[in-house]
N, C-alpha and C. Protein backbone atom coordinates (compact mmCIF):
# COMPACT_ATOMS: atom_id res chain seq x y z
N MET A 1 0.90 -1.29 -0.14
CA MET A 1 -0.09 0.01 0.05
C MET A 1 0.92 1.17 -0.17
N GLN A 2 0.68 2.22 -0.89
CA GLN A 2 1.56 3.28 -1.10
C GLN A 2 1.18 4.09 -0.19
N GLU A 3 1.97 5.00 0.54
CA GLU A 3 1.58 6.41 1.22
C GLU A 3 0.81 7.21 1.02
N ASN A 4 0.23 7.97 -0.17
CA ASN A 4 -0.93 8.39 -0.21
C ASN A 4 -1.98 8.17 -0.47
N ASP A 5 -2.27 6.62 -0.29
CA ASP A 5 -3.49 5.70 -0.40
C ASP A 5 -4.34 5.87 0.96
N PRO A 6 -5.93 6.42 0.93
CA PRO A 6 -6.58 6.57 1.51
C PRO A 6 -6.50 5.43 3.05
N LYS A 7 -6.45 5.67 4.11
CA LYS A 7 -6.39 4.73 5.10
C LYS A 7 -7.18 3.32 5.41
N PHE A 8 -8.62 3.68 4.41
CA PHE A 8 -9.38 2.59 4.50
C PHE A 8 -9.78 2.35 2.73
N LYS A 9 -9.06 2.31 2.12
CA LYS A 9 -8.76 2.12 0.81
C LYS A 9 -9.28 0.59 0.49
N LYS A 10 -8.92 -0.58 0.98
CA LYS A 10 -9.17 -1.74 1.17
C LYS A 10 -10.31 -2.04 1.56
N VAL A 11 -11.03 -1.19 2.29
CA VAL A 11 -12.56 -1.63 2.93
C VAL A 11 -13.48 -1.19 2.20
N VAL A 12 -13.06 0.10 1.44
CA VAL A 12 -14.07 0.63 0.51
C VAL A 12 -14.37 -0.05 -0.69
N VAL A 13 -12.83 -0.98 -0.95
CA VAL A 13 -12.88 -1.93 -2.10
C VAL A 13 -13.73 -3.15 -2.39
N ALA A 14 -14.01 -3.54 -0.73
CA ALA A 14 -14.09 -4.88 -0.54
C ALA A 14 -15.80 -4.50 -0.29
N ALA A 15 -16.08 -3.41 0.43
CA ALA A 15 -17.85 -3.05 0.19
C ALA A 15 -18.24 -2.42 -0.96
N ASP A 16 -17.55 -2.07 -1.81
CA ASP A 16 -17.97 -1.89 -3.06
C ASP A 16 -18.67 -3.50 -4.06
N GLY A 17 -17.55 -4.55 -3.74
CA GLY A 17 -17.96 -6.12 -4.49
C GLY A 17 -18.65 -6.48 -3.27
N LEU A 18 -18.76 -6.11 -2.39
CA LEU A 18 -20.25 -6.77 -1.68
C LEU A 18 -21.04 -5.95 -1.96
N SER A 19 -21.75 -4.85 -2.18
CA SER A 19 -22.65 -4.28 -2.51
C SER A 19 -23.51 -5.01 -3.75
N LEU A 20 -23.30 -5.60 -4.79
CA LEU A 20 -23.76 -6.31 -5.93
C LEU A 20 -24.70 -7.40 -4.91
N GLY A 21 -24.18 -8.17 -4.37
CA GLY A 21 -24.38 -8.97 -3.87
C GLY A 21 -25.64 -8.67 -2.49
N ILE A 22 -25.32 -7.72 -2.01
CA ILE A 22 -26.50 -7.16 -1.13
C ILE A 22 -27.71 -6.89 -2.15
N SER A 23 -27.25 -5.85 -2.64
CA SER A 23 -28.57 -5.40 -3.74
C SER A 23 -29.49 -6.72 -4.41
N MET A 24 -28.58 -7.47 -4.71
CA MET A 24 -29.33 -8.49 -5.45
C MET A 24 -30.46 -9.11 -4.34
N VAL A 25 -29.94 -9.50 -3.40
CA VAL A 25 -30.86 -10.12 -1.96
C VAL A 25 -32.08 -9.10 -1.73
N VAL A 26 -31.51 -7.65 -1.56
CA VAL A 26 -32.71 -6.87 -1.06
C VAL A 26 -33.46 -6.87 -2.43
N ALA A 27 -33.21 -6.49 -3.49
CA ALA A 27 -34.16 -6.69 -4.63
C ALA A 27 -34.92 -7.74 -4.73
N VAL A 28 -34.73 -9.31 -4.22
CA VAL A 28 -35.51 -10.35 -4.35
C VAL A 28 -36.72 -10.43 -3.10
N LEU A 29 -35.91 -9.72 -2.02
CA LEU A 29 -36.94 -9.67 -0.87
C LEU A 29 -38.01 -8.74 -0.87
N LEU A 30 -37.76 -7.18 -1.77
CA LEU A 30 -38.63 -6.47 -1.57
C LEU A 30 -39.44 -7.24 -2.65
N GLY A 31 -39.03 -7.62 -3.66
CA GLY A 31 -40.16 -8.26 -4.65
C GLY A 31 -41.39 -9.34 -4.48
N VAL A 32 -40.68 -9.89 -3.40
CA VAL A 32 -41.49 -10.89 -2.59
C VAL A 32 -42.38 -10.47 -1.63
N GLY A 33 -41.65 -9.43 -0.71
CA GLY A 33 -42.77 -8.52 -0.13
C GLY A 33 -43.91 -8.10 -0.65
N LEU A 34 -43.46 -6.96 -1.56
CA LEU A 34 -44.71 -6.44 -2.40
C LEU A 34 -45.47 -7.42 -3.03
N GLY A 35 -45.13 -8.46 -3.56
CA GLY A 35 -45.96 -9.93 -3.65
C GLY A 35 -47.08 -10.16 -2.99
N TYR A 36 -46.42 -10.23 -1.78
CA TYR A 36 -47.41 -10.89 -0.40
C TYR A 36 -47.81 -9.94 -0.45
N LEU A 37 -47.72 -8.45 -0.08
CA LEU A 37 -48.73 -7.14 0.23
C LEU A 37 -49.56 -7.30 -0.57
N MET A 38 -49.78 -7.26 -2.10
CA MET A 38 -50.41 -6.94 -3.02
C MET A 38 -51.35 -8.47 -2.84
N ARG A 39 -50.96 -9.63 -2.73
CA ARG A 39 -51.69 -10.78 -2.82
C ARG A 39 -52.49 -10.74 -1.38
N LYS A 40 -52.36 -10.05 -0.01
CA LYS A 40 -53.34 -10.33 1.05
C LYS A 40 -54.14 -8.82 0.73
N TRP A 41 -53.93 -7.83 -0.05
CA TRP A 41 -55.03 -6.55 -0.29
C TRP A 41 -55.70 -6.84 -1.21
N PHE A 42 -55.53 -7.40 -2.54
CA PHE A 42 -56.39 -7.63 -3.64
C PHE A 42 -57.06 -9.51 -3.55
N GLY A 43 -56.24 -10.05 -3.18
CA GLY A 43 -56.76 -11.24 -2.76
C GLY A 43 -56.51 -12.41 -3.95
N TYR A 44 -55.30 -11.85 -4.92
CA TYR A 44 -55.06 -13.00 -6.21
C TYR A 44 -53.86 -13.86 -5.90
N GLU A 45 -53.60 -14.74 -6.05
CA GLU A 45 -52.29 -15.60 -5.65
C GLU A 45 -51.52 -14.94 -6.77
N TRP A 46 -51.89 -14.85 -7.72
CA TRP A 46 -50.90 -14.58 -8.99
C TRP A 46 -49.84 -13.15 -8.97
N LEU A 47 -50.50 -12.39 -8.11
CA LEU A 47 -49.79 -11.35 -7.71
C LEU A 47 -48.67 -11.33 -6.69
N PHE A 48 -48.56 -12.48 -5.84
CA PHE A 48 -47.46 -12.64 -5.26
C PHE A 48 -46.64 -13.17 -6.20
N TRP A 49 -46.70 -13.94 -7.35
CA TRP A 49 -45.56 -14.42 -8.32
C TRP A 49 -45.35 -13.36 -8.89
N LEU A 50 -46.31 -12.35 -9.48
CA LEU A 50 -45.83 -10.80 -9.90
C LEU A 50 -44.61 -10.59 -9.02
N GLY A 51 -44.58 -10.14 -7.81
CA GLY A 51 -43.62 -9.56 -7.01
C GLY A 51 -42.55 -10.65 -7.18
N VAL A 52 -42.42 -11.71 -7.37
CA VAL A 52 -41.23 -12.35 -7.14
C VAL A 52 -40.76 -12.36 -8.35
N PHE A 53 -41.39 -12.25 -9.56
CA PHE A 53 -40.94 -11.57 -11.18
C PHE A 53 -39.83 -10.65 -10.88
N TRP A 54 -40.75 -9.47 -10.43
CA TRP A 54 -40.06 -8.33 -10.24
C TRP A 54 -38.92 -8.00 -9.57
N GLY A 55 -38.93 -8.84 -8.39
CA GLY A 55 -37.83 -8.93 -7.52
C GLY A 55 -36.33 -9.06 -8.36
N ILE A 56 -36.76 -10.67 -8.86
CA ILE A 56 -35.90 -11.29 -9.61
C ILE A 56 -35.30 -10.47 -10.99
N ALA A 57 -36.54 -9.59 -11.72
CA ALA A 57 -35.76 -9.04 -12.87
C ALA A 57 -34.93 -8.01 -12.23
N ALA A 58 -35.39 -7.03 -11.18
CA ALA A 58 -34.52 -6.02 -10.65
C ALA A 58 -32.92 -6.53 -10.32
N ALA A 59 -32.87 -7.71 -9.63
CA ALA A 59 -31.60 -8.18 -9.04
C ALA A 59 -30.93 -8.58 -10.63
N ILE A 60 -31.43 -9.25 -11.67
CA ILE A 60 -31.11 -9.17 -12.98
C ILE A 60 -30.08 -7.65 -13.14
N LEU A 61 -30.89 -6.80 -13.35
CA LEU A 61 -31.07 -5.64 -13.74
C LEU A 61 -29.78 -4.86 -12.95
N ASN A 62 -29.72 -5.19 -11.97
CA ASN A 62 -28.56 -4.57 -10.98
C ASN A 62 -27.19 -5.60 -11.35
N VAL A 63 -27.36 -6.74 -11.79
CA VAL A 63 -26.16 -7.51 -12.41
C VAL A 63 -25.59 -7.10 -13.48
N TYR A 64 -26.49 -6.30 -14.65
CA TYR A 64 -26.30 -5.64 -15.72
C TYR A 64 -25.29 -4.57 -15.47
N LYS A 65 -26.01 -3.67 -14.28
CA LYS A 65 -25.51 -2.49 -14.26
C LYS A 65 -23.96 -2.74 -14.00
N ALA A 66 -23.63 -3.48 -12.92
CA ALA A 66 -22.63 -3.67 -12.43
C ALA A 66 -21.54 -4.33 -13.54
N TYR A 67 -22.24 -4.89 -14.53
CA TYR A 67 -20.90 -5.36 -15.48
C TYR A 67 -21.19 -4.20 -16.62
N ALA A 68 -21.74 -3.27 -16.58
CA ALA A 68 -21.80 -2.28 -17.84
C ALA A 68 -20.65 -1.11 -17.07
N LYS A 69 -20.98 -1.06 -15.92
CA LYS A 69 -19.96 -0.53 -15.15
C LYS A 69 -18.41 -0.89 -15.20
N GLN A 70 -18.23 -2.04 -15.09
CA GLN A 70 -16.89 -2.69 -14.65
C GLN A 70 -16.88 -2.91 -16.18
N LYS A 71 -16.98 -3.14 -17.46
CA LYS A 71 -17.05 -2.98 -18.51
C LYS A 71 -16.23 -1.35 -19.16
N ALA A 72 -16.80 -0.42 -18.74
CA ALA A 72 -16.61 0.83 -19.14
C ALA A 72 -15.23 1.04 -18.38
N SER A 73 -15.23 0.51 -17.07
CA SER A 73 -13.92 1.06 -16.67
C SER A 73 -12.51 0.13 -17.35
N LEU A 74 -13.02 -0.98 -17.74
CA LEU A 74 -12.06 -1.68 -18.24
C LEU A 74 -11.57 -1.34 -19.85
N ASP A 75 -12.38 -0.85 -20.49
CA ASP A 75 -12.24 -0.22 -21.93
C ASP A 75 -11.90 1.07 -21.80
N GLU A 76 -11.71 1.98 -20.63
CA GLU A 76 -11.15 2.83 -20.48
C GLU A 76 -9.38 2.71 -20.06
N LEU A 77 -9.05 1.88 -19.48
CA LEU A 77 -7.76 1.20 -19.16
C LEU A 77 -7.40 0.91 -20.66
N ALA A 78 -8.00 0.28 -21.60
CA ALA A 78 -7.54 -0.26 -22.73
C ALA A 78 -7.14 0.93 -23.47
N ARG A 79 -7.90 1.67 -23.71
CA ARG A 79 -7.24 2.99 -24.20
C ARG A 79 -6.05 3.69 -23.76
N ASP A 80 -5.79 3.27 -22.15
CA ASP A 80 -4.71 4.40 -21.63
C ASP A 80 -3.47 3.68 -22.58
N PRO A 81 -2.60 4.46 -23.12
CA PRO A 81 -1.13 4.07 -23.83
C PRO A 81 -0.36 3.12 -22.99
N ARG A 82 -0.62 3.28 -21.48
CA ARG A 82 0.42 2.54 -20.69
C ARG A 82 0.41 1.47 -20.80
N TYR A 83 -0.81 0.70 -21.26
CA TYR A 83 -1.95 -0.69 -21.24
C TYR A 83 -1.52 -1.32 -22.57
N ARG A 84 -1.37 -0.32 -23.28
CA ARG A 84 -1.51 -1.16 -24.71
C ARG A 84 -0.59 -2.08 -24.92
N GLN A 85 -0.79 -3.06 -25.67
CA GLN A 85 -0.35 -4.10 -25.83
C GLN A 85 0.58 -3.82 -27.69
N ARG A 86 1.75 -3.81 -27.81
CA ARG A 86 2.15 -3.76 -29.01
C ARG A 86 2.59 -5.14 -29.44
N THR A 87 2.61 -4.96 -30.82
CA THR A 87 2.45 -5.97 -31.61
C THR A 87 4.30 -5.66 -32.29
N PHE A 88 4.75 -6.88 -33.15
CA PHE A 88 5.82 -6.81 -33.59
C PHE A 88 6.10 -5.84 -34.81
N ASP A 89 4.80 -5.63 -35.16
CA ASP A 89 4.54 -4.63 -36.55
C ASP A 89 4.90 -3.27 -36.44
N ASP A 90 4.89 -2.83 -34.69
CA ASP A 90 5.17 -1.43 -34.34
C ASP A 90 6.48 -0.81 -34.67
N ASP A 91 7.23 -1.47 -34.62
CA ASP A 91 8.70 -0.39 -35.14
C ASP A 91 9.38 -1.75 -35.70
N ASP A 92 9.85 -1.34 -36.53
CA ASP A 92 10.51 -2.13 -37.69
C ASP A 92 12.05 -2.47 -36.99
N ASP A 93 12.21 -0.94 -36.58
CA ASP A 93 13.67 -1.36 -36.04
C ASP A 93 14.20 -2.25 -35.16
N GLU A 94 13.06 -2.39 -34.33
CA GLU A 94 13.28 -3.41 -33.17
C GLU A 94 13.13 -4.83 -33.64
N ASP A 95 12.77 -5.34 -34.79
CA ASP A 95 12.77 -6.34 -35.17
C ASP A 95 14.36 -7.06 -35.56
N ASP A 96 15.08 -5.84 -35.72
CA ASP A 96 16.21 -6.14 -36.58
C ASP A 96 16.89 -6.99 -35.43
N ARG A 97 16.92 -6.68 -33.94
CA ARG A 97 17.55 -6.80 -32.51
C ARG A 97 17.15 -8.35 -32.25
N TYR A 98 16.30 -8.66 -32.65
CA TYR A 98 16.09 -10.47 -32.50
C TYR A 98 16.68 -11.50 -33.47
């Protein structure tokens, strides 16, 4: 760890990784709870399953958003000249040394 890194950087990075799992569980539980309340209020059994479906759909949406965020971050790194992979065709004069 470098001197200028924040004191709790590892904790923040770990919490960011856990947030996806927690948000998935919360989304499904909210969907189940909403479905249960709608079933009790309106008396239709299928409303419970509609709530379960909404919760699972919200969890999948959370995973997709996390994927898109991670992909954007990796694409940004790929455009950084420090991390570009060089091919043998880049410099012809370097090929003469091998």
